C-alpha cells in the first residue's frame, strides 16, 4: 500500500450501505469498533477496531456499511 494517496472527494459519514461516490478505493475510519460489510462483486465483512483505519478496494457499485458510524473518503493511488 503506497503511503501517498490522492483525494477523490469529501469524507462521508454513514452506517447504512453507501458506494462512497462510486469510488474504487476507499479510506475507512471507525471511531468505535464496527463490523464493516462490503456488498457486491467484492463481498465480505471484517471487524474494525475502535480508532482503526483501513483501505477497501472495491467495484464502483459495491456498497460499504458499518454497525457503527464509518468515516469514508474516496481516494486513489497517486501515480
PDB file of N, CA and C in Angstrom:
ATOM      1  N   UNK A   1       0.852  -1.177   0.000  1.00  0.00           N
ATOM      2  CA  UNK A   1       0.000   0.000   0.000  1.00  0.00           C
ATOM      3  C   UNK A   1       0.894   1.234   0.000  1.00  0.00           C
ATOM      4  N   UNK A   2       0.729   2.113  -0.981  1.00  0.00           N
ATOM      5  CA  UNK A   2       1.548   3.318  -1.013  1.00  0.00           C
ATOM      6  C   UNK A   2       1.187   4.244   0.146  1.00  0.00           C
ATOM      7  N   UNK A   3       2.146   5.044   0.570  1.00  0.00           N
ATOM      8  CA  UNK A   3       1.881   5.968   1.654  1.00  0.00           C
ATOM      9  C   UNK A   3       1.318   7.287   1.160  1.00  0.00           C
ATOM     10  N   UNK A   4       1.333   7.511  -0.148  1.00  0.00           N
ATOM     11  CA  UNK A   4       0.801   8.751  -0.709  1.00  0.00           C
ATOM     12  C   UNK A   4      -0.434   8.432  -1.533  1.00  0.00           C
ATOM     13  N   UNK A   5      -1.532   9.080  -1.159  1.00  0.00           N
ATOM     14  CA  UNK A   5      -2.799   8.874  -1.851  1.00  0.00           C
ATOM     15  C   UNK A   5      -3.330  10.193  -2.384  1.00  0.00           C
ATOM     16  N   UNK A   6      -4.164  10.110  -3.405  1.00  0.00           N
ATOM     17  CA  UNK A   6      -4.815  11.281  -3.968  1.00  0.00           C
ATOM     18  C   UNK A   6      -6.264  11.280  -3.507  1.00  0.00           C
ATOM     19  N   UNK A   7      -6.719  12.390  -2.927  1.00  0.00           N
ATOM     20  CA  UNK A   7      -8.121  12.507  -2.519  1.00  0.00           C
ATOM     21  C   UNK A   7      -8.991  12.638  -3.755  1.00  0.00           C
ATOM     22  N   UNK A   8     -10.126  11.937  -3.756  1.00  0.00           N
ATOM     23  CA  UNK A   8     -11.040  11.963  -4.894  1.00  0.00           C
ATOM     24  C   UNK A   8     -12.390  12.582  -4.538  1.00  0.00           C
ATOM     25  N   UNK A   9     -12.557  13.013  -3.286  1.00  0.00           N
ATOM     26  CA  UNK A   9     -13.819  13.599  -2.871  1.00  0.00           C
ATOM     27  C   UNK A   9     -13.811  13.859  -1.381  1.00  0.00           C
ATOM     28  N   UNK A  10     -14.922  14.381  -0.901  1.00  0.00           N
ATOM     29  CA  UNK A  10     -15.070  14.716   0.509  1.00  0.00           C
ATOM     30  C   UNK A  10     -15.401  13.480   1.342  1.00  0.00           C
ATOM     31  N   UNK A  11     -15.061  13.538   2.619  1.00  0.00           N
ATOM     32  CA  UNK A  11     -15.381  12.484   3.582  1.00  0.00           C
ATOM     33  C   UNK A  11     -16.900  12.405   3.745  1.00  0.00           C
ATOM     34  N   UNK A  12     -17.400  11.192   3.855  1.00  0.00           N
ATOM     35  CA  UNK A  12     -18.819  10.972   4.162  1.00  0.00           C
ATOM     36  C   UNK A  12     -18.905  10.069   5.385  1.00  0.00           C
ATOM     37  N   UNK A  13     -19.852  10.372   6.270  1.00  0.00           N
ATOM     38  CA  UNK A  13     -20.087   9.576   7.473  1.00  0.00           C
ATOM     39  C   UNK A  13     -21.414   8.847   7.316  1.00  0.00           C
ATOM     40  N   UNK A  14     -21.441   7.551   7.606  1.00  0.00           N
ATOM     41  CA  UNK A  14     -22.659   6.770   7.435  1.00  0.00           C
ATOM     42  C   UNK A  14     -22.570   5.455   8.183  1.00  0.00           C
ATOM     43  N   UNK A  15     -23.718   4.779   8.315  1.00  0.00           N
ATOM     44  CA  UNK A  15     -23.773   3.402   8.803  1.00  0.00           C
ATOM     45  C   UNK A  15     -24.401   2.499   7.747  1.00  0.00           C
ATOM     46  N   UNK A  16     -25.379   3.022   7.003  1.00  0.00           N
ATOM     47  CA  UNK A  16     -26.090   2.215   6.011  1.00  0.00           C
ATOM     48  C   UNK A  16     -25.327   2.165   4.691  1.00  0.00           C
ATOM     49  N   UNK A  17     -25.678   1.218   3.839  1.00  0.00           N
ATOM     50  CA  UNK A  17     -24.974   0.951   2.583  1.00  0.00           C
ATOM     51  C   UNK A  17     -24.726   2.226   1.774  1.00  0.00           C
ATOM     52  N   UNK A  18     -23.471   2.392   1.348  1.00  0.00           N
ATOM     53  CA  UNK A  18     -23.069   3.585   0.613  1.00  0.00           C
ATOM     54  C   UNK A  18     -21.952   3.191  -0.358  1.00  0.00           C
ATOM     55  N   UNK A  19     -21.990   3.722  -1.579  1.00  0.00           N
ATOM     56  CA  UNK A  19     -20.943   3.432  -2.567  1.00  0.00           C
ATOM     57  C   UNK A  19     -19.737   4.363  -2.425  1.00  0.00           C
ATOM     58  N   UNK A  20     -19.825   5.351  -1.548  1.00  0.00           N
ATOM     59  CA  UNK A  20     -18.778   6.357  -1.348  1.00  0.00           C
ATOM     60  C   UNK A  20     -18.398   6.979  -2.702  1.00  0.00           C
ATOM     61  N   UNK A  21     -19.378   7.626  -3.283  1.00  0.00           N
ATOM     62  CA  UNK A  21     -19.218   8.310  -4.583  1.00  0.00           C
ATOM     63  C   UNK A  21     -18.735   7.373  -5.691  1.00  0.00           C
ATOM     64  N   UNK A  22     -19.179   6.118  -5.635  1.00  0.00           N
ATOM     65  CA  UNK A  22     -18.806   5.121  -6.651  1.00  0.00           C
ATOM     66  C   UNK A  22     -17.290   4.930  -6.762  1.00  0.00           C
ATOM     67  N   UNK A  23     -16.588   5.156  -5.661  1.00  0.00           N
ATOM     68  CA  UNK A  23     -15.136   5.040  -5.653  1.00  0.00           C
ATOM     69  C   UNK A  23     -14.687   3.581  -5.691  1.00  0.00           C
ATOM     70  N   UNK A  24     -13.532   3.346  -6.323  1.00  0.00           N
ATOM     71  CA  UNK A  24     -12.939   2.012  -6.362  1.00  0.00           C
ATOM     72  C   UNK A  24     -11.967   1.773  -5.207  1.00  0.00           C
ATOM     73  N   UNK A  25     -11.526   2.850  -4.554  1.00  0.00           N
ATOM     74  CA  UNK A  25     -10.630   2.732  -3.406  1.00  0.00           C
ATOM     75  C   UNK A  25     -11.116   3.711  -2.338  1.00  0.00           C
ATOM     76  N   UNK A  26     -11.324   3.199  -1.128  1.00  0.00           N
ATOM     77  CA  UNK A  26     -11.915   3.996  -0.054  1.00  0.00           C
ATOM     78  C   UNK A  26     -11.074   3.876   1.210  1.00  0.00           C
ATOM     79  N   UNK A  27     -10.756   5.021   1.824  1.00  0.00           N
ATOM     80  CA  UNK A  27     -10.113   5.036   3.139  1.00  0.00           C
ATOM     81  C   UNK A  27     -11.240   5.010   4.172  1.00  0.00           C
ATOM     82  N   UNK A  28     -11.183   4.054   5.090  1.00  0.00           N
ATOM     83  CA  UNK A  28     -12.252   3.866   6.080  1.00  0.00           C
ATOM     84  C   UNK A  28     -11.684   4.082   7.481  1.00  0.00           C
ATOM     85  N   UNK A  29     -12.374   4.907   8.286  1.00  0.00           N
ATOM     86  CA  UNK A  29     -12.017   5.143   9.680  1.00  0.00           C
ATOM     87  C   UNK A  29     -13.236   4.843  10.542  1.00  0.00           C
ATOM     88  N   UNK A  30     -13.022   4.128  11.647  1.00  0.00           N
ATOM     89  CA  UNK A  30     -14.105   3.823  12.590  1.00  0.00           C
ATOM     90  C   UNK A  30     -13.688   4.317  13.975  1.00  0.00           C
ATOM     91  N   UNK A  31     -14.377   5.327  14.508  1.00  0.00           N
ATOM     92  CA  UNK A  31     -14.059   5.839  15.846  1.00  0.00           C
ATOM     93  C   UNK A  31     -14.385   4.792  16.903  1.00  0.00           C
ATOM     94  N   UNK A  32     -15.452   4.024  16.676  1.00  0.00           N
ATOM     95  CA  UNK A  32     -15.853   2.934  17.570  1.00  0.00           C
ATOM     96  C   UNK A  32     -15.715   1.621  16.820  1.00  0.00           C
ATOM     97  N   UNK A  33     -15.521   0.529  17.550  1.00  0.00           N
ATOM     98  CA  UNK A  33     -15.433  -0.786  16.912  1.00  0.00           C
ATOM     99  C   UNK A  33     -16.667  -1.017  16.044  1.00  0.00           C
ATOM    100  N   UNK A  34     -16.470  -1.614  14.885  1.00  0.00           N
ATOM    101  CA  UNK A  34     -17.561  -1.792  13.926  1.00  0.00           C
ATOM    102  C   UNK A  34     -17.340  -3.045  13.091  1.00  0.00           C
ATOM    103  N   UNK A  35     -18.417  -3.718  12.748  1.00  0.00           N
ATOM    104  CA  UNK A  35     -18.354  -4.748  11.714  1.00  0.00           C
ATOM    105  C   UNK A  35     -18.594  -4.036  10.396  1.00  0.00           C
ATOM    106  N   UNK A  36     -17.637  -4.112   9.494  1.00  0.00           N
ATOM    107  CA  UNK A  36     -17.715  -3.458   8.194  1.00  0.00           C
ATOM    108  C   UNK A  36     -18.090  -4.515   7.164  1.00  0.00           C
ATOM    109  N   UNK A  37     -19.115  -4.219   6.375  1.00  0.00           N
ATOM    110  CA  UNK A  37     -19.606  -5.157   5.372  1.00  0.00           C
ATOM    111  C   UNK A  37     -19.548  -4.522   3.991  1.00  0.00           C
ATOM    112  N   UNK A  38     -18.998  -5.256   3.035  1.00  0.00           N
ATOM    113  CA  UNK A  38     -18.981  -4.841   1.634  1.00  0.00           C
ATOM    114  C   UNK A  38     -19.917  -5.773   0.888  1.00  0.00           C
ATOM    115  N   UNK A  39     -20.830  -5.195   0.112  1.00  0.00           N
ATOM    116  CA  UNK A  39     -21.793  -5.973  -0.658  1.00  0.00           C
ATOM    117  C   UNK A  39     -21.600  -5.658  -2.135  1.00  0.00           C
ATOM    118  N   UNK A  40     -21.503  -6.690  -2.961  1.00  0.00           N
ATOM    119  CA  UNK A  40     -21.335  -6.524  -4.403  1.00  0.00           C
ATOM    120  C   UNK A  40     -20.341  -7.532  -4.932  1.00  0.00           C
ATOM    121  N   UNK A  41     -19.588  -7.128  -5.956  1.00  0.00           N
ATOM    122  CA  UNK A  41     -18.614  -8.017  -6.595  1.00  0.00           C
ATOM    123  C   UNK A  41     -17.544  -8.506  -5.620  1.00  0.00           C
ATOM    124  N   UNK A  42     -17.145  -7.656  -4.701  1.00  0.00           N
ATOM    125  CA  UNK A  42     -16.086  -7.972  -3.742  1.00  0.00           C
ATOM    126  C   UNK A  42     -16.669  -8.084  -2.341  1.00  0.00           C
ATOM    127  N   UNK A  43     -17.678  -8.924  -2.159  1.00  0.00           N
ATOM    128  CA  UNK A  43     -18.424  -9.032  -0.905  1.00  0.00           C
ATOM    129  C   UNK A  43     -17.580  -9.650   0.204  1.00  0.00           C
ATOM    130  N   UNK A  44     -17.860  -9.192   1.416  1.00  0.00           N
ATOM    131  CA  UNK A  44     -17.200  -9.738   2.587  1.00  0.00           C
ATOM    132  C   UNK A  44     -17.424  -8.837   3.777  1.00  0.00           C
ATOM    133  N   UNK A  45     -16.919  -9.241   4.932  1.00  0.00           N
ATOM    134  CA  UNK A  45     -17.035  -8.409   6.125  1.00  0.00           C
ATOM    135  C   UNK A  45     -15.835  -8.649   7.028  1.00  0.00           C
ATOM    136  N   UNK A  46     -15.581  -7.686   7.894  1.00  0.00           N
ATOM    137  CA  UNK A  46     -14.485  -7.785   8.854  1.00  0.00           C
ATOM    138  C   UNK A  46     -14.789  -6.878  10.034  1.00  0.00           C
ATOM    139  N   UNK A  47     -14.085  -7.108  11.133  1.00  0.00           N
ATOM    140  CA  UNK A  47     -14.257  -6.282  12.324  1.00  0.00           C
ATOM    141  C   UNK A  47     -13.160  -5.222  12.337  1.00  0.00           C
ATOM    142  N   UNK A  48     -13.595  -3.970  12.447  1.00  0.00           N
ATOM    143  CA  UNK A  48     -12.670  -2.838  12.520  1.00  0.00           C
ATOM    144  C   UNK A  48     -12.590  -2.402  13.976  1.00  0.00           C
ATOM    145  N   UNK A  49     -11.403  -2.381  14.581  1.00  0.00           N
ATOM    146  CA  UNK A  49     -11.293  -1.962  15.973  1.00  0.00           C
ATOM    147  C   UNK A  49     -11.532  -0.460  16.122  1.00  0.00           C
ATOM    148  N   UNK A  50     -11.864  -0.027  17.306  1.00  0.00           N
ATOM    149  CA  UNK A  50     -12.045   1.400  17.578  1.00  0.00           C
ATOM    150  C   UNK A  50     -10.778   2.152  17.204  1.00  0.00           C
ATOM    151  N   UNK A  51     -10.930   3.242  16.479  1.00  0.00           N
ATOM    152  CA  UNK A  51      -9.793   4.033  16.034  1.00  0.00           C
ATOM    153  C   UNK A  51      -9.072   3.449  14.842  1.00  0.00           C
ATOM    154  N   UNK A  52      -9.624   2.390  14.255  1.00  0.00           N
ATOM    155  CA  UNK A  52      -8.987   1.709  13.131  1.00  0.00           C
ATOM    156  C   UNK A  52      -9.122   2.448  11.817  1.00  0.00           C
ATOM    157  N   UNK A  53      -8.105   2.293  10.977  1.00  0.00           N
ATOM    158  CA  UNK A  53      -8.105   2.843   9.619  1.00  0.00           C
ATOM    159  C   UNK A  53      -7.692   1.726   8.675  1.00  0.00           C
ATOM    160  N   UNK A  54      -8.404   1.593   7.568  1.00  0.00           N
ATOM    161  CA  UNK A  54      -8.024   0.633   6.535  1.00  0.00           C
ATOM    162  C   UNK A  54      -8.446   1.178   5.182  1.00  0.00           C
ATOM    163  N   UNK A  55      -8.042   0.493   4.138  1.00  0.00           N
ATOM    164  CA  UNK A  55      -8.422   0.854   2.776  1.00  0.00           C
ATOM    165  C   UNK A  55      -9.157  -0.321   2.167  1.00  0.00           C
ATOM    166  N   UNK A  56     -10.240  -0.028   1.458  1.00  0.00           N
ATOM    167  CA  UNK A  56     -11.029  -1.061   0.783  1.00  0.00           C
ATOM    168  C   UNK A  56     -10.986  -0.791  -0.708  1.00  0.00           C
ATOM    169  N   UNK A  57     -10.530  -1.780  -1.476  1.00  0.00           N
ATOM    170  CA  UNK A  57     -10.581  -1.725  -2.928  1.00  0.00           C
ATOM    171  C   UNK A  57     -11.839  -2.470  -3.340  1.00  0.00           C
ATOM    172  N   UNK A  58     -12.695  -1.828  -4.145  1.00  0.00           N
ATOM    173  CA  UNK A  58     -13.995  -2.400  -4.471  1.00  0.00           C
ATOM    174  C   UNK A  58     -14.419  -1.971  -5.866  1.00  0.00           C
ATOM    175  N   UNK A  59     -15.460  -2.594  -6.382  1.00  0.00           N
ATOM    176  CA  UNK A  59     -16.072  -2.142  -7.629  1.00  0.00           C
ATOM    177  C   UNK A  59     -16.884  -0.883  -7.333  1.00  0.00           C
ATOM    178  N   UNK A  60     -17.064  -0.052  -8.337  1.00  0.00           N
ATOM    179  CA  UNK A  60     -17.759   1.224  -8.142  1.00  0.00           C
ATOM    180  C   UNK A  60     -19.152   1.049  -7.540  1.00  0.00           C
ATOM    181  N   UNK A  61     -19.861  -0.005  -7.914  1.00  0.00           N
ATOM    182  CA  UNK A  61     -21.231  -0.198  -7.426  1.00  0.00           C
ATOM    183  C   UNK A  61     -21.306  -0.944  -6.093  1.00  0.00           C
ATOM    184  N   UNK A  62     -20.187  -1.483  -5.610  1.00  0.00           N
ATOM    185  CA  UNK A  62     -20.189  -2.162  -4.309  1.00  0.00           C
ATOM    186  C   UNK A  62     -20.492  -1.152  -3.211  1.00  0.00           C
ATOM    187  N   UNK A  63     -21.205  -1.592  -2.185  1.00  0.00           N
ATOM    188  CA  UNK A  63     -21.515  -0.711  -1.066  1.00  0.00           C
ATOM    189  C   UNK A  63     -20.753  -1.145   0.185  1.00  0.00           C
ATOM    190  N   UNK A  64     -20.534  -0.166   1.068  1.00  0.00           N
ATOM    191  CA  UNK A  64     -19.898  -0.380   2.356  1.00  0.00           C
ATOM    192  C   UNK A  64     -20.902   0.032   3.426  1.00  0.00           C
ATOM    193  N   UNK A  65     -20.991  -0.737   4.512  1.00  0.00           N
ATOM    194  CA  UNK A  65     -21.855  -0.389   5.646  1.00  0.00           C
ATOM    195  C   UNK A  65     -21.139  -0.784   6.924  1.00  0.00           C
ATOM    196  N   UNK A  66     -21.542  -0.159   8.030  1.00  0.00           N
ATOM    197  CA  UNK A  66     -20.942  -0.487   9.313  1.00  0.00           C
ATOM    198  C   UNK A  66     -21.982  -0.585  10.403  1.00  0.00           C
ATOM    199  N   UNK A  67     -21.658  -1.289  11.477  1.00  0.00           N
ATOM    200  CA  UNK A  67     -22.573  -1.377  12.620  1.00  0.00           C
ATOM    201  C   UNK A  67     -22.461  -0.135  13.496  1.00  0.00           C
ATOM    202  N   UNK A  68     -21.407   0.663  13.301  1.00  0.00           N
ATOM    203  CA  UNK A  68     -21.284   1.993  13.902  1.00  0.00           C
ATOM    204  C   UNK A  68     -20.924   2.945  12.773  1.00  0.00           C
ATOM    205  N   UNK A  69     -20.908   4.229  13.054  1.00  0.00           N
ATOM    206  CA  UNK A  69     -20.620   5.209  12.011  1.00  0.00           C
ATOM    207  C   UNK A  69     -19.206   5.042  11.471  1.00  0.00           C
ATOM    208  N   UNK A  70     -19.118   4.999  10.146  1.00  0.00           N
ATOM    209  CA  UNK A  70     -17.842   4.946   9.438  1.00  0.00           C
ATOM    210  C   UNK A  70     -17.593   6.293   8.781  1.00  0.00           C
ATOM    211  N   UNK A  71     -16.354   6.752   8.804  1.00  0.00           N
ATOM    212  CA  UNK A  71     -15.962   7.953   8.071  1.00  0.00           C
ATOM    213  C   UNK A  71     -15.129   7.482   6.886  1.00  0.00           C
ATOM    214  N   UNK A  72     -15.659   7.704   5.690  1.00  0.00           N
ATOM    215  CA  UNK A  72     -15.026   7.164   4.486  1.00  0.00           C
ATOM    216  C   UNK A  72     -14.692   8.277   3.504  1.00  0.00           C
ATOM    217  N   UNK A  73     -13.529   8.158   2.877  1.00  0.00           N
ATOM    218  CA  UNK A  73     -13.085   9.134   1.892  1.00  0.00           C
ATOM    219  C   UNK A  73     -12.678   8.401   0.621  1.00  0.00           C
ATOM    220  N   UNK A  74     -13.226   8.813  -0.534  1.00  0.00           N
ATOM    221  CA  UNK A  74     -12.784   8.196  -1.787  1.00  0.00           C
ATOM    222  C   UNK A  74     -11.365   8.668  -2.105  1.00  0.00           C
ATOM    223  N   UNK A  75     -10.492   7.730  -2.422  1.00  0.00           N
ATOM    224  CA  UNK A  75      -9.091   8.037  -2.711  1.00  0.00           C
ATOM    225  C   UNK A  75      -8.624   7.246  -3.930  1.00  0.00           C
ATOM    226  N   UNK A  76      -7.440   7.558  -4.397  1.00  0.00           N
ATOM    227  CA  UNK A  76      -6.806   6.815  -5.494  1.00  0.00           C
ATOM    228  C   UNK A  76      -5.329   6.732  -5.207  1.00  0.00           C
ATOM    229  N   UNK A  77      -4.655   5.751  -5.784  1.00  0.00           N
ATOM    230  CA  UNK A  77      -3.214   5.667  -5.688  1.00  0.00           C
ATOM    231  C   UNK A  77      -2.627   6.821  -6.489  1.00  0.00           C
ATOM    232  N   UNK A  78      -1.679   7.527  -5.928  1.00  0.00           N
ATOM    233  CA  UNK A  78      -1.011   8.602  -6.665  1.00  0.00           C
ATOM    234  C   UNK A  78      -0.016   7.957  -7.625  1.00  0.00           C
ATOM    235  N   UNK A  79      -0.103   8.349  -8.888  1.00  0.00           N
ATOM    236  CA  UNK A  79       0.799   7.778  -9.886  1.00  0.00           C
ATOM    237  C   UNK A  79       1.787   8.805 -10.375  1.00  0.00           C
TER     238      UNK A  79
END
